[in-house]
Protein backbone atom coordinates (compact mmCIF):
# COMPACT_ATOMS: atom_id res chain seq x y z
CA MET A 1 0.24 0.09 0.14
CA ASN A 2 1.05 3.61 -0.62
CA GLN A 3 1.87 5.66 2.14
CA ILE A 4 -1.38 8.17 1.28
CA ALA A 5 -3.67 5.52 1.08
CA ALA A 6 -2.67 4.36 4.34
CA LEU A 7 -3.28 7.69 6.12
CA LEU A 8 -6.67 8.36 4.15
CA PRO A 9 -9.47 6.45 6.56
CA ALA A 10 -12.93 6.02 4.29
CA ALA A 11 -14.84 7.77 7.13
CA ASN A 12 -12.59 10.86 5.39
CA ILE A 13 -13.27 10.61 1.48
CA ILE A 14 -16.23 13.06 1.01
CA VAL A 15 -18.08 12.87 -2.92
CA ASP A 16 -19.86 15.65 -3.88
CA LEU A 17 -18.99 18.39 -1.39
CA ASP A 18 -21.02 21.74 -1.10
CA VAL A 19 -19.10 24.58 -0.64
CA ALA A 20 -18.69 27.45 -2.30
CA THR A 21 -14.93 29.59 -0.68
CA LYS A 22 -12.09 27.92 0.71
CA ALA A 23 -13.05 29.29 3.64
CA GLN A 24 -16.34 26.80 3.64
CA PHE A 25 -13.87 24.64 2.25
CA PHE A 26 -11.60 24.14 5.49
CA ALA A 27 -14.35 24.77 7.35
CA ALA A 28 -16.00 21.76 6.37
CA MET A 29 -12.64 19.75 6.86
CA GLY A 30 -12.18 21.04 10.16
CA ASP A 31 -15.47 18.75 10.97
CA VAL A 32 -14.59 15.99 9.21
CA PHE A 33 -11.35 15.66 10.97
CA GLU A 34 -13.11 16.36 14.25
CA ARG A 35 -15.72 14.12 14.40
CA ASN A 36 -13.10 11.49 12.97
CA ALA A 37 -9.42 11.78 14.54
CA GLY A 38 -10.75 13.68 17.60
CA LEU A 39 -8.74 17.13 16.30
CA PRO A 40 -10.63 20.58 17.13
CA HIS A 41 -12.28 22.34 14.31
CA ASN A 42 -10.84 25.26 14.58
CA GLY A 43 -7.26 24.37 14.89
CA VAL A 44 -7.91 22.42 12.06
CA ALA A 45 -9.40 25.17 9.60
CA ALA A 46 -7.26 28.28 11.17
CA SER A 47 -3.96 26.05 10.21
CA LEU A 48 -5.04 25.58 7.05
CA ALA A 49 -6.51 28.73 6.27
CA ALA A 50 -2.73 30.11 7.44
CA ARG A 51 -0.35 27.83 4.83
CA GLU A 52 -2.92 28.74 2.35
CA LYS A 53 -1.94 32.71 2.67
CA LEU A 54 2.03 31.85 2.54
CA GLY A 55 0.88 30.68 -1.24
CA SER A 56 -2.07 28.59 -2.70
CA THR A 57 -2.02 25.08 -2.84
CA GLY A 58 -3.84 24.77 -5.86
CA LEU A 59 -1.24 23.06 -7.89
CA GLY A 60 -4.33 23.44 -11.23
CA GLN A 61 -5.79 20.61 -13.34
CA GLY A 62 -9.05 21.20 -10.95
CA ILE A 63 -6.51 19.96 -8.12
CA ALA A 64 -5.03 21.73 -4.82
CA ILE A 65 -3.69 19.95 -1.76
CA PRO A 66 -4.37 22.05 1.44
CA HIS A 67 -2.21 21.10 4.17
CA GLY A 68 -1.45 22.24 7.91
CA ARG A 69 0.77 20.77 10.78
CA ILE A 70 -1.40 20.25 13.97
CA HIS A 71 0.13 20.95 17.60
CA GLY A 72 -0.65 17.48 19.12
CA LEU A 73 -1.33 15.62 16.23
CA ARG A 74 0.84 12.07 16.60
CA ASP A 75 0.66 11.26 12.46
CA ALA A 76 -0.08 12.35 9.99
CA VAL A 77 -3.50 12.06 8.50
CA GLY A 78 -5.49 13.05 5.28
CA ALA A 79 -9.13 13.67 3.40
CA PHE A 80 -9.99 13.82 -0.08
CA ALA A 81 -13.26 15.58 -0.94
CA ARG A 82 -14.89 15.48 -4.40
CA LEU A 83 -16.51 18.91 -4.52
CA ARG A 84 -20.22 19.40 -5.76
CA LYS A 85 -18.99 22.25 -7.56
CA PRO A 86 -15.35 23.69 -8.82
CA VAL A 87 -14.08 26.23 -6.27
CA PRO A 88 -11.85 29.28 -7.15
CA PHE A 89 -8.24 28.36 -5.51
CA ASP A 90 -5.77 30.61 -6.85
CA ALA A 91 -4.43 27.69 -8.86
CA PRO A 92 -1.07 28.59 -10.93
CA ASP A 93 -3.46 27.80 -14.55
CA GLY A 94 -6.77 30.18 -12.88
CA LYS A 95 -9.15 27.15 -13.34
CA PRO A 96 -11.23 26.20 -10.24
CA VAL A 97 -10.26 23.09 -8.06
CA ASP A 98 -13.08 20.04 -7.59
CA GLN A 99 -10.69 17.23 -6.74
CA VAL A 100 -8.72 18.47 -2.52
CA PHE A 101 -6.59 16.40 -0.79
CA VAL A 102 -5.81 17.70 2.53
CA LEU A 103 -2.85 15.98 4.52
CA LEU A 104 -2.06 17.28 8.06
CA VAL A 105 1.36 16.75 10.28
CA PRO A 106 2.68 16.82 13.14
CA GLU A 107 4.37 20.08 13.66
CA GLN A 108 7.76 18.19 13.89
CA ALA A 109 7.28 16.01 10.78
CA THR A 110 9.50 17.89 8.21
CA ASP A 111 10.85 15.63 6.39
CA GLN A 112 7.60 13.13 6.44
CA HIS A 113 5.64 16.39 5.72
CA LEU A 114 7.55 16.51 2.71
CA GLN A 115 7.50 13.22 1.17
CA LEU A 116 3.67 12.48 1.32
CA LEU A 117 3.36 16.16 -0.66
CA SER A 118 5.71 14.83 -2.63
CA GLU A 119 3.89 11.27 -3.42
CA LEU A 120 0.51 13.75 -3.49
CA ALA A 121 2.29 15.45 -6.59
CA GLN A 122 3.14 12.14 -8.13
CA MET A 123 -0.64 10.81 -7.84
CA PHE A 124 -2.13 14.18 -9.28
CA SER A 125 0.22 14.80 -12.27
CA GLU A 126 -1.35 11.59 -13.62
CA ARG A 127 -4.15 12.04 -15.73
CA ASN A 128 -5.52 8.85 -15.35
CA PHE A 129 -5.66 8.88 -11.65
CA ARG A 130 -7.65 11.96 -11.95
CA HIS A 131 -9.89 10.86 -14.34
CA ARG A 132 -10.03 7.75 -12.23
CA LEU A 133 -10.99 9.69 -9.42
CA MET A 134 -13.82 11.81 -11.56
CA GLN A 135 -15.20 8.90 -12.75
CA ALA A 136 -15.36 6.76 -9.18
CA PRO A 137 -19.17 6.52 -8.14
CA ASP A 138 -18.63 6.70 -4.90
CA ALA A 139 -16.11 7.17 -1.67
CA ALA A 140 -15.03 3.17 -1.58
CA ALA A 141 -14.54 3.88 -5.24
CA LEU A 142 -12.82 6.41 -4.33
CA ALA A 143 -10.44 4.73 -1.63
CA ASP A 144 -9.89 1.99 -3.95
CA VAL A 145 -8.80 4.26 -6.49
CA PHE A 146 -6.33 5.84 -3.71
CA ARG A 147 -5.33 1.84 -2.73
CA ASP A 148 -4.33 0.62 -6.33
CA TRP A 149 -1.76 3.51 -6.71
CA GLN A 150 1.58 2.52 -7.21
CA PRO A 151 4.31 5.27 -8.50
CA ALA A 152 6.14 4.33 -11.48
CA PRO A 153 9.14 2.56 -11.23
């Protein structure tokens, strides 16, 4: 199993999330992590928003990977949301995003943080991977797409 699938519990995969702004998205993700990982809603949303102020985490091609460091978090955890309608994310290509992977890491996780972001960038750079995410009918199928991905040799 790849590193990303290992930190993406099925409960953290959301299909057709209905938000209109980045702020609404961050708040919704705060709810997900509070409910499924016991993390404080406001802390998650604030961490994601603070990182976003440093520069957009939109990659282009409708993809964003917002990430943040969380005080007291012991292990990295992720969430994936496919949005009902694309949301402006200040991506380099100017396109709004509709596929968003949120990565939360412990405060001190520098090497791991970079390795995970690198693997996510690899995943989302593959057109076939992005297409499979768009075609997956439900959260279970989305989990399979993440689990089945393998890095290029």
